[in-house]
């Protein structure tokens, strides 16, 4: 099993962003466990990737670097499923 928290911390540090995993609860999103990393920037959250139950959100994630992390984030969501 992957160490989700450590992976999120590495992504947050490398890309200087805030990143977290949320779970769909009806029509809303709710933080999932303590799976978040990075410093709060008070910027709009962006949904990077989602599956039926979970989504990965980020603040201030560089647009041109998304392709570098999307496959890893999808793998994390698949393992959470």
C-alpha atoms as a PDB file:
ATOM      1  CA  UNK A   1       0.000   0.000   0.000  1.00  0.00           C
ATOM      2  CA  UNK A   2       1.260   3.435  -0.882  1.00  0.00           C
ATOM      3  CA  UNK A   3       2.034   5.995   1.819  1.00  0.00           C
ATOM      4  CA  UNK A   4      -0.497   8.556   0.571  1.00  0.00           C
ATOM      5  CA  UNK A   5       0.375  11.248   3.117  1.00  0.00           C
ATOM      6  CA  UNK A   6       4.094  11.111   2.273  1.00  0.00           C
ATOM      7  CA  UNK A   7       3.386  11.289  -1.464  1.00  0.00           C
ATOM      8  CA  UNK A   8       1.154  14.349  -0.989  1.00  0.00           C
ATOM      9  CA  UNK A   9       3.832  16.015   1.141  1.00  0.00           C
ATOM     10  CA  UNK A  10       6.441  15.412  -1.559  1.00  0.00           C
ATOM     11  CA  UNK A  11       4.150  16.852  -4.246  1.00  0.00           C
ATOM     12  CA  UNK A  12       3.343  19.907  -2.094  1.00  0.00           C
ATOM     13  CA  UNK A  13       7.016  20.577  -1.478  1.00  0.00           C
ATOM     14  CA  UNK A  14       8.139  20.017  -5.065  1.00  0.00           C
ATOM     15  CA  UNK A  15       5.422  22.186  -6.634  1.00  0.00           C
ATOM     16  CA  UNK A  16       4.975  24.687  -3.774  1.00  0.00           C
ATOM     17  CA  UNK A  17       1.235  24.057  -3.561  1.00  0.00           C
ATOM     18  CA  UNK A  18      -1.405  22.792  -1.183  1.00  0.00           C
ATOM     19  CA  UNK A  19      -2.867  19.411  -2.139  1.00  0.00           C
ATOM     20  CA  UNK A  20      -5.471  17.172  -0.520  1.00  0.00           C
ATOM     21  CA  UNK A  21      -7.815  14.260  -1.068  1.00  0.00           C
ATOM     22  CA  UNK A  22     -11.546  14.659  -0.594  1.00  0.00           C
ATOM     23  CA  UNK A  23     -14.405  12.197  -0.588  1.00  0.00           C
ATOM     24  CA  UNK A  24     -17.743  12.798  -2.266  1.00  0.00           C
ATOM     25  CA  UNK A  25     -20.529  12.972   0.276  1.00  0.00           C
ATOM     26  CA  UNK A  26     -23.739  13.403  -1.669  1.00  0.00           C
ATOM     27  CA  UNK A  27     -23.239  16.574  -3.709  1.00  0.00           C
ATOM     28  CA  UNK A  28     -20.451  17.911  -1.517  1.00  0.00           C
ATOM     29  CA  UNK A  29     -16.779  17.192  -1.001  1.00  0.00           C
ATOM     30  CA  UNK A  30     -15.317  16.453   2.418  1.00  0.00           C
ATOM     31  CA  UNK A  31     -11.665  16.182   3.481  1.00  0.00           C
ATOM     32  CA  UNK A  32     -10.688  12.522   3.630  1.00  0.00           C
ATOM     33  CA  UNK A  33      -8.809  11.487   6.762  1.00  0.00           C
ATOM     34  CA  UNK A  34      -5.683  13.597   7.167  1.00  0.00           C
ATOM     35  CA  UNK A  35      -4.641  13.278   3.537  1.00  0.00           C
ATOM     36  CA  UNK A  36      -3.511  16.834   2.907  1.00  0.00           C
ATOM     37  CA  UNK A  37      -0.179  18.609   2.601  1.00  0.00           C
ATOM     38  CA  UNK A  38       1.256  22.026   1.897  1.00  0.00           C
ATOM     39  CA  UNK A  39       0.739  25.531   3.123  1.00  0.00           C
ATOM     40  CA  UNK A  40      -2.657  27.250   2.879  1.00  0.00           C
ATOM     41  CA  UNK A  41      -2.552  29.952   0.205  1.00  0.00           C
ATOM     42  CA  UNK A  42      -6.208  31.035   0.281  1.00  0.00           C
ATOM     43  CA  UNK A  43      -6.526  30.601  -3.463  1.00  0.00           C
ATOM     44  CA  UNK A  44      -9.328  28.859  -5.363  1.00  0.00           C
ATOM     45  CA  UNK A  45      -9.161  25.080  -5.180  1.00  0.00           C
ATOM     46  CA  UNK A  46      -8.868  23.141  -8.410  1.00  0.00           C
ATOM     47  CA  UNK A  47      -9.945  19.540  -8.914  1.00  0.00           C
ATOM     48  CA  UNK A  48      -6.970  17.783 -10.526  1.00  0.00           C
ATOM     49  CA  UNK A  49      -8.403  14.279 -10.868  1.00  0.00           C
ATOM     50  CA  UNK A  50     -11.385  12.284  -9.571  1.00  0.00           C
ATOM     51  CA  UNK A  51     -13.012   8.888  -9.622  1.00  0.00           C
ATOM     52  CA  UNK A  52     -16.458   7.776  -8.454  1.00  0.00           C
ATOM     53  CA  UNK A  53     -15.725   8.340  -4.763  1.00  0.00           C
ATOM     54  CA  UNK A  54     -12.622  10.534  -4.339  1.00  0.00           C
ATOM     55  CA  UNK A  55     -10.978  13.612  -5.801  1.00  0.00           C
ATOM     56  CA  UNK A  56      -7.600  15.305  -5.502  1.00  0.00           C
ATOM     57  CA  UNK A  57      -7.724  19.072  -5.092  1.00  0.00           C
ATOM     58  CA  UNK A  58      -4.899  21.595  -5.128  1.00  0.00           C
ATOM     59  CA  UNK A  59      -4.277  25.286  -4.624  1.00  0.00           C
ATOM     60  CA  UNK A  60      -1.697  27.042  -6.785  1.00  0.00           C
ATOM     61  CA  UNK A  61      -0.646  23.911  -8.694  1.00  0.00           C
ATOM     62  CA  UNK A  62       1.390  24.852 -11.809  1.00  0.00           C
ATOM     63  CA  UNK A  63      -0.726  24.283 -14.911  1.00  0.00           C
ATOM     64  CA  UNK A  64       2.236  23.069 -16.988  1.00  0.00           C
ATOM     65  CA  UNK A  65       3.186  20.377 -14.435  1.00  0.00           C
ATOM     66  CA  UNK A  66      -0.159  18.574 -14.099  1.00  0.00           C
ATOM     67  CA  UNK A  67       0.783  15.839 -16.570  1.00  0.00           C
ATOM     68  CA  UNK A  68       3.695  14.899 -14.291  1.00  0.00           C
ATOM     69  CA  UNK A  69       1.450  13.997 -11.331  1.00  0.00           C
ATOM     70  CA  UNK A  70      -1.913  12.941 -12.796  1.00  0.00           C
ATOM     71  CA  UNK A  71      -0.891   9.258 -13.320  1.00  0.00           C
ATOM     72  CA  UNK A  72       0.362   8.985  -9.730  1.00  0.00           C
ATOM     73  CA  UNK A  73      -2.755  10.697  -8.365  1.00  0.00           C
ATOM     74  CA  UNK A  74      -4.993   8.325 -10.337  1.00  0.00           C
ATOM     75  CA  UNK A  75      -3.097   5.384  -8.839  1.00  0.00           C
ATOM     76  CA  UNK A  76      -3.654   6.772  -5.337  1.00  0.00           C
ATOM     77  CA  UNK A  77      -7.388   7.163  -5.951  1.00  0.00           C
ATOM     78  CA  UNK A  78      -7.607   3.638  -7.378  1.00  0.00           C
ATOM     79  CA  UNK A  79      -5.985   2.232  -4.232  1.00  0.00           C
ATOM     80  CA  UNK A  80      -8.359   4.182  -1.979  1.00  0.00           C
ATOM     81  CA  UNK A  81     -11.390   2.847  -3.849  1.00  0.00           C
END
